Amino acid sequence: MASLTFTQEQMKQLIASIENTKGKRLATNLDKVQRKLESDSVTADDIMKILKAKTKKSTGLKQPPNSWRVYLEKTGQRMNDPNAKETWGNMSDEDKKPYVDEAAKLREDYKKQKQELSENSEEKSDIESEEKSDIESEEKSDIEPEEKSDIEPEEKSDDSDEADEPKANSYYKQIDGKKYDRKLLEKADSFNEDDKEINLKQAKIIWEDAEDGNKVTDCEKETVQYILDNYKCNRGAKKYLKDKLA
């Protein structure tokens, strides 16, 4: 078996990656690592790539809305309004074009701003890594819990329908007074971008994320049902998710 040497920063990233990957996906990644370690040519970078050990940092930018959300914002309607869904579904491509064009422009502006932030932060990344490695353990105990609770929803937290939702509930997204799994909704949002329907493959990804702890909670089931009721899914995706919920 190959002998590898990791830097202190790489070890931190590996631990964070393992902590944030659960269920079958983690088991699959660890199997890949085991097989890779049997090779004499394996490097530390190879292991980092398999475990996708990248430190996730917030850009501070608000995730741009897709065309459907732009339409809702412009017309003052809510996502779970059946009349809004019906009206949108019956609109022609020409009628939807202003919302599609605006969403595309917002997405392009977002990418440019993100790229600019990335370029500006490259020079600081090495310094910040060294500073973090020197933080005393006593200081870490005060800082880490707060940072960890916001690690996933941080970039999209401002895109919520409930702007006043407290940070303590960042794992959830509250809609009309009911809590849903934020991560699953964000996944569905990304699949619905550019007015696309969620397909069977994407539906399987949503369900796999729901059962990442080898058990689908009531909240996760209700979130999947919400996705079925409020997001555009093709026939195969609908059947798959309905069968899973049955």
Protein backbone atom coordinates (compact mmCIF):
# COMPACT_ATOMS: atom_id res chain seq x y z
CA MET A 1 0.00 0.00 0.00
CA ALA A 2 1.25 3.48 -0.89
CA SER A 3 2.58 5.83 1.78
CA LEU A 4 1.17 9.36 1.56
CA THR A 5 1.94 12.66 3.24
CA PHE A 6 -0.75 15.30 3.71
CA THR A 7 -0.30 18.90 4.79
CA GLN A 8 -2.19 20.19 7.81
CA GLU A 9 -4.57 22.14 5.56
CA GLN A 10 -5.22 19.08 3.37
CA MET A 11 -6.09 17.04 6.45
CA LYS A 12 -8.59 19.70 7.54
CA GLN A 13 -10.20 19.62 4.11
CA LEU A 14 -10.35 15.81 4.08
CA ILE A 15 -12.03 15.72 7.48
CA ALA A 16 -14.53 18.39 6.42
CA SER A 17 -15.31 16.50 3.23
CA ILE A 18 -15.94 13.23 5.08
CA GLU A 19 -18.13 14.99 7.65
CA ASN A 20 -20.24 16.59 4.91
CA THR A 21 -20.62 13.40 2.83
CA LYS A 22 -23.01 10.77 4.15
CA GLY A 23 -24.62 7.44 3.42
CA LYS A 24 -23.98 5.53 0.21
CA ARG A 25 -22.00 8.34 -1.38
CA LEU A 26 -19.44 8.34 1.42
CA ALA A 27 -19.15 4.54 1.32
CA THR A 28 -18.60 4.65 -2.46
CA ASN A 29 -15.92 7.34 -2.16
CA LEU A 30 -14.09 5.44 0.59
CA ASP A 31 -14.13 2.27 -1.56
CA LYS A 32 -12.51 4.27 -4.38
CA VAL A 33 -9.86 5.53 -1.97
CA GLN A 34 -9.14 1.98 -0.80
CA ARG A 35 -8.67 0.77 -4.37
CA LYS A 36 -6.51 3.77 -5.23
CA LEU A 37 -4.25 3.17 -2.24
CA GLU A 38 -3.35 -0.24 -3.67
CA SER A 39 -1.57 1.56 -6.49
CA ASP A 40 2.07 2.57 -6.01
CA SER A 41 1.55 5.72 -8.09
CA VAL A 42 -1.20 7.25 -5.95
CA THR A 43 -0.64 10.78 -4.64
CA ALA A 44 -2.22 12.91 -1.93
CA ASP A 45 -3.90 14.98 -4.65
CA ASP A 46 -5.53 11.80 -6.01
CA ILE A 47 -7.17 11.17 -2.64
CA MET A 48 -8.24 14.80 -2.35
CA LYS A 49 -9.95 14.61 -5.74
CA ILE A 50 -11.81 11.37 -4.93
CA LEU A 51 -13.18 12.79 -1.68
CA LYS A 52 -13.81 16.16 -3.32
CA ALA A 53 -12.02 17.79 -0.41
CA LYS A 54 -12.54 21.43 -1.14
CA THR A 55 -13.12 24.09 1.46
CA LYS A 56 -16.52 25.63 0.76
CA LYS A 57 -16.51 29.37 1.25
CA SER A 58 -19.40 31.75 0.87
CA THR A 59 -19.02 34.35 -1.87
CA GLY A 60 -21.51 36.62 -0.16
CA LEU A 61 -23.46 36.73 -3.43
CA LYS A 62 -27.14 35.99 -3.70
CA GLN A 63 -27.96 33.03 -5.95
CA PRO A 64 -29.78 34.37 -9.03
CA PRO A 65 -33.41 33.27 -9.56
CA ASN A 66 -34.46 31.14 -12.53
CA SER A 67 -37.09 32.33 -15.02
CA TRP A 68 -39.94 30.83 -12.97
CA ARG A 69 -38.86 32.73 -9.87
CA VAL A 70 -38.38 35.93 -11.86
CA TYR A 71 -41.96 35.56 -13.06
CA LEU A 72 -43.20 35.11 -9.49
CA GLU A 73 -41.28 38.15 -8.28
CA LYS A 74 -42.50 40.34 -11.14
CA THR A 75 -46.14 39.32 -10.69
CA GLY A 76 -46.12 39.22 -6.89
CA GLN A 77 -47.24 35.59 -6.74
CA ARG A 78 -46.06 32.70 -4.54
CA MET A 79 -44.48 29.46 -5.66
CA ASN A 80 -47.18 27.26 -4.12
CA ASP A 81 -50.04 29.21 -5.73
CA PRO A 82 -51.78 26.73 -8.10
CA ASN A 83 -53.06 29.59 -10.26
CA ALA A 84 -49.52 30.85 -10.78
CA LYS A 85 -48.34 27.38 -11.79
CA GLU A 86 -51.22 26.95 -14.21
CA THR A 87 -50.71 30.37 -15.77
CA TRP A 88 -46.98 29.78 -16.18
CA GLY A 89 -47.56 26.33 -17.66
CA ASN A 90 -49.97 27.72 -20.26
CA MET A 91 -47.73 30.62 -21.30
CA SER A 92 -46.10 30.46 -24.73
CA ASP A 93 -42.34 30.61 -25.18
CA GLU A 94 -42.76 34.16 -26.48
CA ASP A 95 -44.65 35.20 -23.34
CA LYS A 96 -41.99 33.60 -21.14
CA LYS A 97 -39.10 35.14 -23.07
CA PRO A 98 -38.81 38.38 -20.98
CA TYR A 99 -38.50 36.33 -17.78
CA VAL A 100 -36.09 33.83 -19.38
CA ASP A 101 -33.93 36.67 -20.73
CA GLU A 102 -33.85 38.47 -17.38
CA ALA A 103 -32.95 35.25 -15.54
CA ALA A 104 -30.13 34.64 -18.04
CA LYS A 105 -28.81 38.18 -17.50
CA LEU A 106 -28.95 37.82 -13.71
CA ARG A 107 -27.13 34.49 -13.94
CA GLU A 108 -24.45 35.99 -16.19
CA ASP A 109 -23.96 38.93 -13.81
CA TYR A 110 -23.71 36.47 -10.90
CA LYS A 111 -21.02 34.45 -12.69
CA LYS A 112 -19.00 37.58 -13.47
CA GLN A 113 -19.19 38.80 -9.87
CA LYS A 114 -18.24 35.36 -8.59
CA GLN A 115 -15.28 35.21 -10.97
CA GLU A 116 -14.10 38.65 -9.85
CA LEU A 117 -14.30 37.62 -6.19
CA SER A 118 -12.42 34.42 -6.95
CA GLU A 119 -9.62 36.28 -8.72
CA ASN A 120 -9.35 38.84 -5.93
CA SER A 121 -9.21 36.18 -3.23
CA GLU A 122 -6.54 33.95 -4.81
CA GLU A 123 -3.69 36.03 -3.38
CA LYS A 124 -5.23 35.92 0.10
CA SER A 125 -5.97 32.19 0.25
CA ASP A 126 -2.48 31.08 1.29
CA ILE A 127 -2.28 33.70 4.04
CA GLU A 128 -5.74 32.85 5.36
CA SER A 129 -4.90 29.13 5.47
CA GLU A 130 -1.80 29.80 7.55
CA GLU A 131 -3.70 32.08 9.93
CA LYS A 132 -6.44 29.48 10.45
CA SER A 133 -3.92 26.74 11.22
CA ASP A 134 -2.49 28.89 14.05
CA ILE A 135 -5.81 29.43 15.85
CA GLU A 136 -5.71 28.01 19.37
CA SER A 137 -8.06 25.10 20.16
CA GLU A 138 -9.81 27.22 22.77
CA GLU A 139 -10.72 29.79 20.12
CA LYS A 140 -11.90 27.09 17.73
CA SER A 141 -14.43 25.77 20.22
CA ASP A 142 -16.19 29.14 20.15
CA ILE A 143 -16.05 29.64 16.39
CA GLU A 144 -16.60 26.27 14.72
CA PRO A 145 -20.21 25.45 15.76
CA GLU A 146 -21.58 28.68 14.29
CA GLU A 147 -19.60 28.33 11.05
CA LYS A 148 -20.55 24.69 10.66
CA SER A 149 -24.28 25.33 11.04
CA ASP A 150 -24.20 27.69 8.06
CA ILE A 151 -21.83 25.73 5.83
CA GLU A 152 -24.40 24.50 3.30
CA PRO A 153 -27.20 27.08 3.13
CA GLU A 154 -24.92 30.11 3.36
CA GLU A 155 -24.81 30.96 -0.34
CA LYS A 156 -28.54 30.55 -0.96
CA SER A 157 -29.93 31.64 2.37
CA ASP A 158 -30.98 35.03 0.98
CA ASP A 159 -33.01 33.33 -1.76
CA SER A 160 -35.66 32.11 0.67
CA ASP A 161 -39.37 32.92 0.30
CA GLU A 162 -39.29 33.76 4.01
CA ALA A 163 -36.68 36.52 4.35
CA ASP A 164 -37.07 36.74 8.14
CA GLU A 165 -36.33 33.06 8.81
CA PRO A 166 -33.88 32.86 11.76
CA LYS A 167 -30.39 31.45 11.22
CA ALA A 168 -31.01 28.86 13.91
CA ASN A 169 -33.30 27.09 11.43
CA SER A 170 -30.79 27.23 8.56
CA TYR A 171 -31.11 23.47 8.02
CA TYR A 172 -34.75 24.12 7.17
CA LYS A 173 -36.59 26.42 4.82
CA GLN A 174 -39.87 27.70 6.15
CA ILE A 175 -42.70 28.21 3.65
CA ASP A 176 -46.16 29.29 4.77
CA GLY A 177 -45.27 28.42 8.35
CA LYS A 178 -44.11 24.88 7.52
CA LYS A 179 -40.54 23.59 7.62
CA TYR A 180 -38.95 21.80 4.66
CA ASP A 181 -35.48 20.42 4.02
CA ARG A 182 -33.50 23.34 2.59
CA LYS A 183 -30.89 21.17 0.85
CA LEU A 184 -33.51 19.20 -1.10
CA LEU A 185 -35.31 22.38 -2.19
CA GLU A 186 -32.07 23.95 -3.36
CA LYS A 187 -31.30 20.81 -5.34
CA ALA A 188 -34.74 21.00 -7.00
CA ASP A 189 -34.17 24.72 -7.71
CA SER A 190 -30.95 23.94 -9.55
CA PHE A 191 -32.66 21.24 -11.65
CA ASN A 192 -35.51 23.62 -12.56
CA GLU A 193 -33.15 26.32 -13.85
CA ASP A 194 -33.86 27.70 -17.34
CA ASP A 195 -37.44 26.41 -17.08
CA LYS A 196 -36.26 22.78 -17.34
CA GLU A 197 -38.21 19.86 -15.92
CA ILE A 198 -36.74 17.57 -13.26
CA ASN A 199 -36.01 14.29 -15.05
CA LEU A 200 -35.82 10.72 -13.75
CA LYS A 201 -32.06 10.82 -13.15
CA GLN A 202 -32.38 14.05 -11.17
CA ALA A 203 -35.33 12.67 -9.21
CA LYS A 204 -33.14 9.75 -8.15
CA ILE A 205 -30.47 12.21 -6.97
CA ILE A 206 -33.08 14.06 -4.89
CA TRP A 207 -34.25 10.82 -3.28
CA GLU A 208 -30.67 9.66 -2.69
CA ASP A 209 -29.98 12.93 -0.87
CA ALA A 210 -33.16 12.44 1.17
CA GLU A 211 -32.02 9.02 2.40
CA ASP A 212 -28.40 10.05 2.97
CA GLY A 213 -28.64 8.92 6.57
CA ASN A 214 -30.14 5.56 5.51
CA LYS A 215 -33.51 6.84 6.71
CA VAL A 216 -35.93 9.33 5.17
CA THR A 217 -37.38 11.58 7.86
CA ASP A 218 -40.93 12.93 7.87
CA CYS A 219 -39.57 16.38 7.00
CA GLU A 220 -37.66 14.96 4.01
CA LYS A 221 -40.76 13.08 2.82
CA GLU A 222 -42.85 16.23 3.08
CA THR A 223 -40.16 18.13 1.17
CA VAL A 224 -40.19 15.55 -1.64
CA GLN A 225 -43.98 15.81 -1.76
CA TYR A 226 -43.66 19.61 -1.91
CA ILE A 227 -41.27 19.25 -4.84
CA LEU A 228 -43.79 17.02 -6.62
CA ASP A 229 -46.56 19.56 -6.03
CA ASN A 230 -44.66 22.75 -6.81
CA TYR A 231 -41.79 21.99 -9.20
CA LYS A 232 -41.83 21.00 -12.85
CA CYS A 233 -41.13 17.25 -13.13
CA ASN A 234 -41.45 15.03 -16.17
CA ARG A 235 -43.57 11.89 -16.11
CA GLY A 236 -40.73 9.53 -15.18
CA ALA A 237 -39.58 11.72 -12.30
CA LYS A 238 -43.11 12.06 -10.92
CA LYS A 239 -43.74 8.31 -11.02
CA TYR A 240 -40.40 7.52 -9.37
CA LEU A 241 -40.87 9.95 -6.48
CA LYS A 242 -44.52 8.98 -5.97
CA ASP A 243 -43.54 5.30 -5.79
CA LYS A 244 -40.84 6.13 -3.25
CA LEU A 245 -43.30 8.04 -1.07
CA ALA A 246 -45.96 5.34 -1.28
